[in-house]
Amino acid sequence: MKTAIITGSTGAIGKAIVRLILSLGEYHVVMVARDEEKAIRTRDDIIEAAGSQDVVYRIVDLSVKKEIFSFAESINGPVHLLVNNAAQSPRQRQETKEGIEVQWATNVLGYFWMIEAFTPHLEAGSPARIVNVASYWAGNLDLDDPEFRRRHYDNDEAYRQSKQADRMLTVAFAERLKSRGITVNSCHPGDVNSRLSNDLGFGGHETPDQGADTPVWLATSPGVEGVTGKYFAHRSLESCIFSRDAKGIERLWEICKRY
């Protein structure tokens, strides 16, 4: 039995990702969530729908580096799949208890820290996969002001730049982890009505299962075995302009390392 870790697992798309991966019968799934009551309810729903008990939850604030590394230290044995899916987009600028703007901390640094913390586990489970759930809604990354300390905060702009950063970090990690037997890819999920999309002023026209389809395919399909550093949408390889910005990628990497 392989081990899969899914962040953002109580949201509309995250819950569907957990259920669809669990239903394959190949994975012990660890759900990562912030709200324990919601995590329990989500886990119970998934067990009933998937017909499998092989799912547990862990409460971790993915905007806090210390909590992520403590979580990684508590996991025994190899990890074969990590799906970074957690995201926030509060309408007003907020900071974590460590003083970092919430979207930058959760949507970007949370991905960065999860990959750093779990690299030894993933290497032990190689060939292993990392899937970064990003978005086509990406752009306007300002590496001089990633936390909107000088700019006027706009949650849509903050979200877009965080998803650009996720797509760029995918390339950075892919290059660094390829020799360890770990692939790293990013994708746009489907457009689903969720709290996140509502906070951004959108609805959604797809079901949670449709939204989860590309992340799950990228996480489990034999057809993408060995593929790394790429961006996908609708199960198709897409051109990513951000992946070609080598200088920007390295600068972003160094900025993230400093936190």
Protein backbone atom coordinates (compact mmCIF):
# COMPACT_ATOMS: atom_id res chain seq x y z
CA MET A 1 0.00 0.00 0.00
CA LYS A 2 1.35 3.40 -1.04
CA THR A 3 1.01 6.56 1.05
CA ALA A 4 -0.54 9.75 -0.36
CA ILE A 5 -0.70 13.11 1.39
CA ILE A 6 -3.34 15.59 0.21
CA THR A 7 -3.47 19.17 1.50
CA GLY A 8 -6.57 21.33 1.35
CA SER A 9 -8.50 18.11 1.72
CA THR A 10 -11.76 19.48 3.11
CA GLY A 11 -12.44 21.89 0.24
CA ALA A 12 -14.64 20.98 -2.71
CA ILE A 13 -11.82 19.88 -5.01
CA GLY A 14 -9.60 18.52 -2.23
CA LYS A 15 -12.33 16.26 -0.89
CA ALA A 16 -12.92 14.87 -4.39
CA ILE A 17 -9.18 14.30 -4.88
CA VAL A 18 -9.01 12.32 -1.63
CA ARG A 19 -12.06 10.22 -2.47
CA LEU A 20 -10.99 9.45 -6.04
CA ILE A 21 -7.46 8.46 -5.02
CA LEU A 22 -8.74 6.38 -2.10
CA SER A 23 -11.18 4.58 -4.41
CA LEU A 24 -8.26 3.24 -6.44
CA GLY A 25 -7.48 0.89 -3.56
CA GLU A 26 -3.73 1.50 -3.85
CA TYR A 27 -3.18 4.28 -1.33
CA HIS A 28 -3.30 4.97 2.36
CA VAL A 29 -4.43 8.61 2.26
CA VAL A 30 -3.47 11.26 4.79
CA MET A 31 -5.80 14.26 4.66
CA VAL A 32 -4.26 17.55 5.79
CA ALA A 33 -6.67 20.17 7.14
CA ARG A 34 -6.90 23.13 9.52
CA ASP A 35 -10.38 22.59 10.99
CA GLU A 36 -10.74 19.35 12.95
CA GLU A 37 -14.53 19.29 12.99
CA LYS A 38 -14.63 19.73 9.23
CA ALA A 39 -11.86 17.15 8.80
CA ILE A 40 -13.79 14.52 10.77
CA ARG A 41 -16.96 15.19 8.81
CA THR A 42 -15.10 15.07 5.49
CA ARG A 43 -13.26 11.87 6.40
CA ASP A 44 -16.50 10.13 7.39
CA ASP A 45 -18.19 11.20 4.16
CA ILE A 46 -15.25 9.89 2.12
CA ILE A 47 -15.17 6.55 3.95
CA GLU A 48 -18.86 6.07 3.22
CA ALA A 49 -18.53 7.09 -0.43
CA ALA A 50 -15.30 5.25 -1.21
CA GLY A 51 -16.01 2.15 0.82
CA SER A 52 -12.53 2.22 2.33
CA GLN A 53 -11.31 2.96 5.84
CA ASP A 54 -7.76 3.63 4.69
CA VAL A 55 -7.87 7.39 5.26
CA VAL A 56 -6.80 9.50 8.23
CA TYR A 57 -6.63 13.22 8.87
CA ARG A 58 -3.96 15.44 10.37
CA ILE A 59 -4.47 19.00 11.59
CA VAL A 60 -1.72 21.26 10.24
CA ASP A 61 -1.65 25.00 9.59
CA LEU A 62 0.12 25.09 6.24
CA SER A 63 0.94 28.78 6.64
CA VAL A 64 3.28 27.94 9.54
CA LYS A 65 6.66 26.40 8.69
CA LYS A 66 7.18 24.83 12.13
CA GLU A 67 3.87 22.95 11.95
CA ILE A 68 4.70 21.53 8.52
CA PHE A 69 8.11 20.24 9.59
CA SER A 70 6.68 18.78 12.83
CA PHE A 71 4.06 17.01 10.72
CA ALA A 72 6.77 15.57 8.45
CA GLU A 73 8.76 14.34 11.44
CA SER A 74 5.68 12.50 12.73
CA ILE A 75 5.28 10.46 9.54
CA ASN A 76 6.98 7.08 9.58
CA GLY A 77 7.98 5.38 6.36
CA PRO A 78 7.98 6.42 2.72
CA VAL A 79 5.54 8.74 0.96
CA HIS A 80 4.70 8.06 -2.68
CA LEU A 81 2.44 10.98 -3.54
CA LEU A 82 2.09 14.56 -2.34
CA VAL A 83 -0.72 16.73 -3.70
CA ASN A 84 -0.33 20.38 -2.70
CA ASN A 85 -3.86 21.72 -3.02
CA ALA A 86 -4.44 24.02 -0.02
CA ALA A 87 -5.17 27.67 -0.77
CA GLN A 88 -6.71 30.73 0.83
CA SER A 89 -7.82 34.05 -0.65
CA PRO A 90 -9.19 36.32 2.09
CA ARG A 91 -10.79 39.50 0.80
CA GLN A 92 -8.92 41.64 3.31
CA ARG A 93 -5.17 41.46 3.82
CA GLN A 94 -4.36 39.17 6.75
CA GLU A 95 -1.12 37.99 8.33
CA THR A 96 -0.20 34.70 9.94
CA LYS A 97 0.98 34.56 13.55
CA GLU A 98 4.49 34.74 12.10
CA GLY A 99 3.66 38.04 10.37
CA ILE A 100 3.49 36.75 6.78
CA GLU A 101 0.68 37.71 4.41
CA VAL A 102 -1.74 34.79 4.42
CA GLN A 103 -1.96 34.01 0.70
CA TRP A 104 1.80 34.13 0.24
CA ALA A 105 2.27 31.97 3.33
CA THR A 106 -0.34 29.33 2.48
CA ASN A 107 -0.49 29.24 -1.30
CA VAL A 108 3.24 29.61 -1.97
CA LEU A 109 5.38 28.99 1.10
CA GLY A 110 3.06 26.18 2.19
CA TYR A 111 3.84 24.35 -1.07
CA PHE A 112 7.53 25.15 -0.74
CA TRP A 113 7.78 23.95 2.87
CA MET A 114 5.72 20.80 2.27
CA ILE A 115 8.04 19.76 -0.53
CA GLU A 116 11.15 20.57 1.49
CA ALA A 117 9.88 18.76 4.58
CA PHE A 118 8.71 15.64 2.73
CA THR A 119 11.57 15.24 0.24
CA PRO A 120 13.28 12.54 2.38
CA HIS A 121 9.99 10.60 2.65
CA LEU A 122 9.31 10.96 -1.07
CA GLU A 123 12.83 9.88 -1.97
CA ALA A 124 12.30 6.78 0.19
CA GLY A 125 9.11 6.11 -1.79
CA SER A 126 10.60 6.76 -5.23
CA PRO A 127 9.43 6.74 -7.91
CA ALA A 128 7.28 9.38 -6.21
CA ARG A 129 5.15 12.23 -7.49
CA ILE A 130 4.37 15.76 -6.38
CA VAL A 131 1.37 17.52 -7.90
CA ASN A 132 1.03 21.26 -7.30
CA VAL A 133 -2.53 22.39 -7.90
CA ALA A 134 -2.07 25.79 -9.51
CA SER A 135 -4.38 27.62 -11.92
CA TYR A 136 -4.73 29.15 -15.34
CA TRP A 137 -5.63 32.28 -13.32
CA ALA A 138 -2.01 33.28 -12.77
CA GLY A 139 0.22 36.27 -13.36
CA ASN A 140 1.52 39.65 -12.15
CA LEU A 141 3.97 38.19 -9.63
CA ASP A 142 5.87 41.03 -7.95
CA LEU A 143 9.03 39.65 -6.39
CA ASP A 144 9.81 43.07 -4.93
CA ASP A 145 6.57 43.07 -2.94
CA PRO A 146 5.19 39.52 -2.71
CA GLU A 147 3.31 40.22 0.53
CA PHE A 148 1.57 43.43 -0.59
CA ARG A 149 3.36 45.53 1.98
CA ARG A 150 3.72 48.46 -0.41
CA ARG A 151 0.99 47.72 -2.92
CA HIS A 152 -2.72 48.01 -2.19
CA TYR A 153 -3.90 44.49 -1.33
CA ASP A 154 -6.29 42.92 -3.77
CA ASN A 155 -7.15 39.30 -3.08
CA ASP A 156 -7.55 38.50 -6.76
CA GLU A 157 -4.09 39.89 -7.58
CA ALA A 158 -2.60 38.11 -4.57
CA TYR A 159 -4.15 34.84 -5.68
CA ARG A 160 -3.00 35.22 -9.28
CA GLN A 161 0.59 35.90 -8.26
CA SER A 162 0.56 32.95 -5.85
CA LYS A 163 -0.50 30.59 -8.63
CA GLN A 164 2.22 31.97 -10.92
CA ALA A 165 4.71 31.32 -8.14
CA ASP A 166 3.43 27.73 -7.75
CA ARG A 167 3.97 27.07 -11.44
CA MET A 168 7.48 28.53 -11.27
CA LEU A 169 8.40 26.59 -8.12
CA THR A 170 7.27 23.41 -9.87
CA VAL A 171 10.09 23.91 -12.37
CA ALA A 172 12.61 24.74 -9.64
CA PHE A 173 11.81 21.63 -7.61
CA ALA A 174 11.58 19.40 -10.69
CA GLU A 175 15.17 20.23 -11.58
CA ARG A 176 16.40 19.64 -8.05
CA LEU A 177 14.49 16.43 -7.33
CA LYS A 178 14.74 14.57 -10.63
CA SER A 179 17.89 12.73 -9.57
CA ARG A 180 16.08 11.54 -6.43
CA GLY A 181 13.31 9.79 -8.34
CA ILE A 182 10.67 12.45 -7.60
CA THR A 183 8.64 14.13 -10.34
CA VAL A 184 7.03 17.53 -9.80
CA ASN A 185 4.23 18.85 -12.02
CA SER A 186 1.54 21.51 -11.73
CA CYS A 187 -1.96 21.73 -13.11
CA HIS A 188 -5.10 23.77 -13.44
CA PRO A 189 -8.00 21.93 -11.80
CA GLY A 190 -11.53 22.30 -13.02
CA ASP A 191 -13.70 25.35 -12.26
CA VAL A 192 -15.76 24.40 -9.22
CA ASN A 193 -18.03 26.49 -7.02
CA SER A 194 -16.16 26.66 -3.71
CA ARG A 195 -15.37 29.01 -0.85
CA LEU A 196 -12.12 29.93 -2.60
CA SER A 197 -13.81 30.75 -5.90
CA ASN A 198 -16.51 32.68 -4.05
CA ASP A 199 -13.89 34.74 -2.20
CA LEU A 200 -12.43 35.59 -5.60
CA GLY A 201 -15.84 36.64 -6.90
CA PHE A 202 -16.46 33.57 -9.06
CA GLY A 203 -18.81 30.63 -9.06
CA GLY A 204 -18.03 27.47 -10.99
CA HIS A 205 -19.64 25.32 -13.66
CA GLU A 206 -18.02 21.95 -12.98
CA THR A 207 -18.66 19.28 -10.35
CA PRO A 208 -16.00 18.60 -7.68
CA ASP A 209 -15.15 15.33 -9.46
CA GLN A 210 -14.60 17.20 -12.73
CA GLY A 211 -12.46 19.70 -10.87
CA ALA A 212 -10.37 16.93 -9.33
CA ASP A 213 -9.99 14.96 -12.57
CA THR A 214 -6.72 16.47 -13.85
CA PRO A 215 -4.93 16.51 -10.45
CA VAL A 216 -5.88 12.86 -9.85
CA TRP A 217 -4.86 11.85 -13.37
CA LEU A 218 -1.54 13.63 -12.97
CA ALA A 219 -1.02 11.97 -9.60
CA THR A 220 -1.80 8.40 -10.64
CA SER A 221 -1.75 7.85 -14.41
CA PRO A 222 0.97 5.57 -15.84
CA GLY A 223 0.88 7.84 -18.90
CA VAL A 224 2.78 10.61 -17.11
CA GLU A 225 5.32 8.39 -15.38
CA GLY A 226 8.69 10.14 -15.41
CA VAL A 227 7.30 13.44 -16.73
CA THR A 228 8.46 16.38 -14.60
CA GLY A 229 8.52 20.16 -14.51
CA LYS A 230 5.40 20.55 -16.67
CA TYR A 231 2.03 22.29 -16.45
CA PHE A 232 -1.23 20.55 -17.40
CA ALA A 233 -4.89 21.43 -17.87
CA HIS A 234 -7.76 19.11 -18.91
CA ARG A 235 -5.30 16.19 -18.88
CA SER A 236 -3.23 17.93 -21.55
CA LEU A 237 0.25 19.41 -21.50
CA GLU A 238 0.02 23.20 -21.72
CA SER A 239 2.65 25.78 -22.60
CA CYS A 240 3.62 27.79 -19.52
CA ILE A 241 5.27 31.17 -20.09
CA PHE A 242 6.34 31.34 -16.44
CA SER A 243 8.43 28.17 -16.74
CA ARG A 244 10.68 29.92 -19.26
CA ASP A 245 11.70 32.70 -16.86
CA ALA A 246 14.86 31.05 -15.53
CA LYS A 247 16.13 34.15 -13.71
CA GLY A 248 12.77 34.79 -12.12
CA ILE A 249 12.49 31.17 -11.00
CA GLU A 250 15.87 31.28 -9.28
CA ARG A 251 15.07 34.62 -7.65
CA LEU A 252 11.74 33.24 -6.39
CA TRP A 253 13.54 30.18 -5.03
CA GLU A 254 15.99 32.35 -3.10
CA ILE A 255 13.18 34.51 -1.72
CA CYS A 256 11.29 31.43 -0.48
CA LYS A 257 14.45 30.00 1.07
CA ARG A 258 14.86 33.12 3.18
CA TYR A 259 11.59 32.61 5.05
